[in-house]
Protein backbone atom coordinates (compact mmCIF):
# COMPACT_ATOMS: atom_id res chain seq x y z
CA MET A 1 -0.01 -0.06 0.01
CA ASN A 2 1.02 3.56 -0.71
CA SER A 3 1.44 5.42 2.62
CA GLN A 4 2.40 8.62 0.79
CA ASN A 5 -0.13 11.29 0.26
CA GLY A 6 -0.55 12.92 -3.13
CA CYS A 7 -1.40 16.43 -3.88
CA THR A 8 -3.83 18.43 -6.08
CA VAL A 9 -2.52 21.13 -8.47
CA TRP A 10 -5.69 23.10 -9.24
CA LEU A 11 -5.44 25.24 -12.36
CA THR A 12 -8.20 27.96 -12.44
CA GLY A 13 -8.70 30.64 -14.97
CA LEU A 14 -10.97 31.83 -17.79
CA SER A 15 -11.83 29.75 -20.85
CA GLY A 16 -8.88 29.86 -23.26
CA ALA A 17 -6.35 31.04 -20.69
CA GLY A 18 -4.19 27.93 -21.26
CA LYS A 19 -5.19 25.65 -18.35
CA THR A 20 -5.31 22.44 -20.42
CA THR A 21 -2.15 23.15 -22.33
CA LEU A 22 -0.30 24.04 -19.06
CA ALA A 23 -1.69 20.86 -17.44
CA GLN A 24 -0.33 18.75 -20.30
CA VAL A 25 3.11 20.43 -20.19
CA LEU A 26 3.20 20.02 -16.39
CA GLY A 27 2.25 16.33 -16.71
CA GLU A 28 5.01 15.78 -19.26
CA ARG A 29 7.48 17.40 -16.93
CA LEU A 30 6.33 15.15 -14.03
CA ARG A 31 6.63 12.09 -16.27
CA GLU A 32 10.17 13.12 -17.27
CA ARG A 33 11.05 13.09 -13.48
CA GLY A 34 9.56 9.60 -13.16
CA VAL A 35 6.57 10.96 -11.19
CA GLY A 36 3.06 9.56 -12.00
CA TYR A 37 0.11 11.92 -12.08
CA GLU A 38 -3.48 12.10 -13.26
CA LEU A 39 -4.90 14.94 -15.34
CA LEU A 40 -8.50 15.94 -14.82
CA ASP A 41 -9.78 18.34 -17.51
CA GLY A 42 -12.88 20.36 -16.69
CA ASP A 43 -14.49 19.92 -20.18
CA GLU A 44 -13.91 16.20 -20.19
CA LEU A 45 -15.25 15.85 -16.65
CA ARG A 46 -18.34 17.83 -17.54
CA ASP A 47 -19.00 15.40 -20.43
CA ARG A 48 -18.41 12.37 -18.25
CA LEU A 49 -19.50 13.25 -14.73
CA SER A 50 -21.85 16.12 -15.22
CA PRO A 51 -23.62 15.70 -18.62
CA GLY A 52 -26.93 16.99 -17.38
CA LEU A 53 -25.62 20.08 -15.68
CA GLY A 54 -26.05 23.48 -17.13
CA PHE A 55 -24.18 26.66 -16.29
CA SER A 56 -26.11 28.26 -13.43
CA LYS A 57 -24.02 29.10 -10.29
CA GLN A 58 -25.43 26.04 -8.54
CA GLU A 59 -24.66 23.74 -11.48
CA ARG A 60 -21.13 25.11 -11.89
CA ASP A 61 -20.50 24.67 -8.16
CA ALA A 62 -21.80 21.05 -8.31
CA HIS A 63 -19.44 20.31 -11.24
CA VAL A 64 -16.46 21.75 -9.38
CA ARG A 65 -17.26 19.89 -6.20
CA ARG A 66 -17.48 16.63 -8.18
CA ALA A 67 -14.07 17.30 -9.71
CA GLY A 68 -12.76 18.26 -6.25
CA TYR A 69 -14.03 15.03 -4.79
CA LEU A 70 -12.12 13.06 -7.42
CA CYS A 71 -8.98 15.10 -6.57
CA GLU A 72 -9.49 14.39 -2.91
CA LEU A 73 -9.75 10.62 -3.57
CA LEU A 74 -6.76 10.49 -5.80
CA SER A 75 -4.62 12.68 -3.57
CA ARG A 76 -5.53 10.66 -0.53
CA ASN A 77 -4.27 7.58 -2.45
CA GLY A 78 -0.88 9.05 -3.25
CA VAL A 79 -1.55 10.49 -6.70
CA ILE A 80 -0.44 13.93 -7.90
CA THR A 81 -3.56 15.21 -9.55
CA VAL A 82 -3.56 18.12 -11.96
CA ALA A 83 -7.03 19.56 -12.36
CA ALA A 84 -7.72 22.15 -15.08
CA LEU A 85 -11.09 23.76 -14.50
CA ILE A 86 -12.48 27.31 -14.97
CA SER A 87 -13.93 26.90 -11.42
CA PRO A 88 -15.18 30.49 -11.43
CA TYR A 89 -16.29 30.90 -7.83
CA ARG A 90 -13.71 31.51 -5.10
CA ALA A 91 -15.84 30.08 -2.26
CA VAL A 92 -15.96 26.57 -3.83
CA ARG A 93 -12.15 26.61 -4.54
CA ASP A 94 -11.59 27.69 -0.99
CA GLU A 95 -13.87 24.84 0.22
CA LEU A 96 -11.69 22.43 -1.76
CA ARG A 97 -8.51 23.86 -0.40
CA ALA A 98 -9.84 23.31 3.16
CA ARG A 99 -10.72 19.63 2.32
CA ILE A 100 -7.80 18.53 0.24
CA PRO A 101 -4.34 18.23 1.86
CA ASP A 102 -1.53 19.72 -0.24
CA PHE A 103 -3.87 21.69 -2.49
CA ILE A 104 -1.85 23.95 -4.73
CA GLU A 105 -3.96 26.63 -6.36
CA VAL A 106 -2.61 28.04 -9.68
CA TYR A 107 -4.23 31.08 -11.17
CA VAL A 108 -3.84 30.90 -14.93
CA GLU A 109 -4.27 34.60 -15.74
CA CYS A 110 -4.81 35.94 -19.21
CA PRO A 111 -6.33 39.33 -20.23
CA LEU A 112 -9.68 39.34 -21.93
CA LYS A 113 -8.17 41.06 -25.05
CA GLU A 114 -5.81 38.13 -25.48
CA LEU A 115 -8.55 35.58 -24.82
CA VAL A 116 -10.64 37.10 -27.56
CA ARG A 117 -7.64 36.96 -29.92
CA ARG A 118 -7.02 33.32 -29.18
CA ASP A 119 -10.69 32.19 -29.46
CA VAL A 120 -10.91 30.18 -32.68
CA LYS A 121 -14.55 29.33 -32.05
CA GLY A 122 -15.57 32.99 -31.57
CA LEU A 123 -17.28 32.42 -28.24
CA TYR A 124 -15.88 35.45 -26.56
CA ARG A 125 -17.02 37.73 -29.44
CA LYS A 126 -20.50 36.18 -29.30
CA ALA A 127 -20.71 36.61 -25.51
CA LEU A 128 -19.46 40.25 -25.75
CA ALA A 129 -22.17 40.82 -28.39
CA GLY A 130 -24.75 39.39 -26.06
CA GLU A 131 -25.36 36.26 -28.14
CA ILE A 132 -24.28 33.87 -25.44
CA GLY A 133 -25.52 34.22 -21.89
CA ASN A 134 -23.86 33.08 -18.69
CA PHE A 135 -20.40 33.18 -20.30
CA THR A 136 -17.74 33.25 -17.50
CA GLY A 137 -15.73 36.40 -17.48
CA VAL A 138 -18.16 38.33 -19.73
CA SER A 139 -21.85 37.90 -18.60
CA ASP A 140 -21.16 35.63 -15.65
CA PRO A 141 -18.55 36.38 -12.93
CA TYR A 142 -15.12 34.89 -12.60
CA GLU A 143 -13.58 35.42 -9.14
CA PRO A 144 -9.82 35.35 -9.28
CA PRO A 145 -8.13 33.72 -6.27
CA HIS A 146 -7.09 36.10 -3.44
CA ASP A 147 -3.93 34.35 -2.57
CA PRO A 148 -3.02 31.61 -5.10
CA ASP A 149 0.09 29.51 -4.56
CA VAL A 150 1.24 30.39 -8.07
CA THR A 151 0.03 32.93 -10.64
CA VAL A 152 1.07 32.34 -14.23
CA HIS A 153 0.57 34.92 -16.93
CA THR A 154 -0.04 32.96 -20.17
CA ALA A 155 -0.07 36.10 -22.36
CA GLU A 156 3.49 36.81 -21.22
CA GLU A 157 5.18 33.51 -20.58
CA THR A 158 5.42 30.18 -22.29
CA PRO A 159 3.70 27.07 -21.03
CA ASP A 160 7.20 25.63 -20.31
CA ALA A 161 8.07 28.71 -18.13
CA SER A 162 4.73 28.48 -16.34
CA ALA A 163 5.21 24.72 -15.69
CA ASP A 164 8.69 25.44 -14.32
CA ARG A 165 7.18 27.91 -11.80
CA ILE A 166 4.65 25.35 -10.64
CA LEU A 167 7.32 22.65 -10.37
CA ALA A 168 9.45 25.04 -8.27
CA THR A 169 6.49 25.52 -5.93
CA LEU A 170 6.10 21.70 -5.67
CA GLU A 171 9.84 21.42 -4.90
CA ARG A 172 9.78 24.15 -2.25
CA SER A 173 6.79 22.56 -0.60
CA GLY A 174 8.67 19.15 -0.41
CA ILE A 175 6.01 17.35 -2.49
CA LEU A 176 8.37 16.41 -5.38
CA LYS A 177 11.12 15.38 -3.00
CA GLU A 178 8.70 13.00 -1.32
CA PHE A 179 7.67 11.49 -4.71
CA ALA A 180 11.30 11.20 -5.96
CA ALA A 181 12.21 9.30 -2.74
CA ALA A 182 9.12 7.01 -2.82
CA PRO A 183 9.57 3.45 -4.12
CA LEU A 184 7.64 2.63 -7.27
């Protein structure tokens, strides 16, 4: 049995900020170090765990809590879990932080102007024109973290540089050292 606790690296930010890309780069870096991990992507989880949920505040909170529960289970069983979800409401993220040991909150920040530029589906333009309701960051709120463990600025730094900053935080916290020393 694995007596080692895992951790949760929770990537939060607006749609198109680069959460999934960063999670994939971070996962590759962990794999290069011989550290196993699990990636939980918000869109994929919504399709698999929350297919009937819409986008009201209550439904968004339910979706984030479901993802958080998975993170809690995986972390409790020694897995480094990288979760990439918009998770727009601070109170639910704070609730997860209180429940999950070694919860590392990463704010994936990107200005709206850059998000509109990156948006190949044109969702931001439609939301800004009022054609899409309840769009996080436009017609529905996004509450940035007050005190994240790491803030990455994806309009200014590469995914590799952002991943390096997250790994440095995991190293300083001792989490990666524990995993490097753990028998496989």
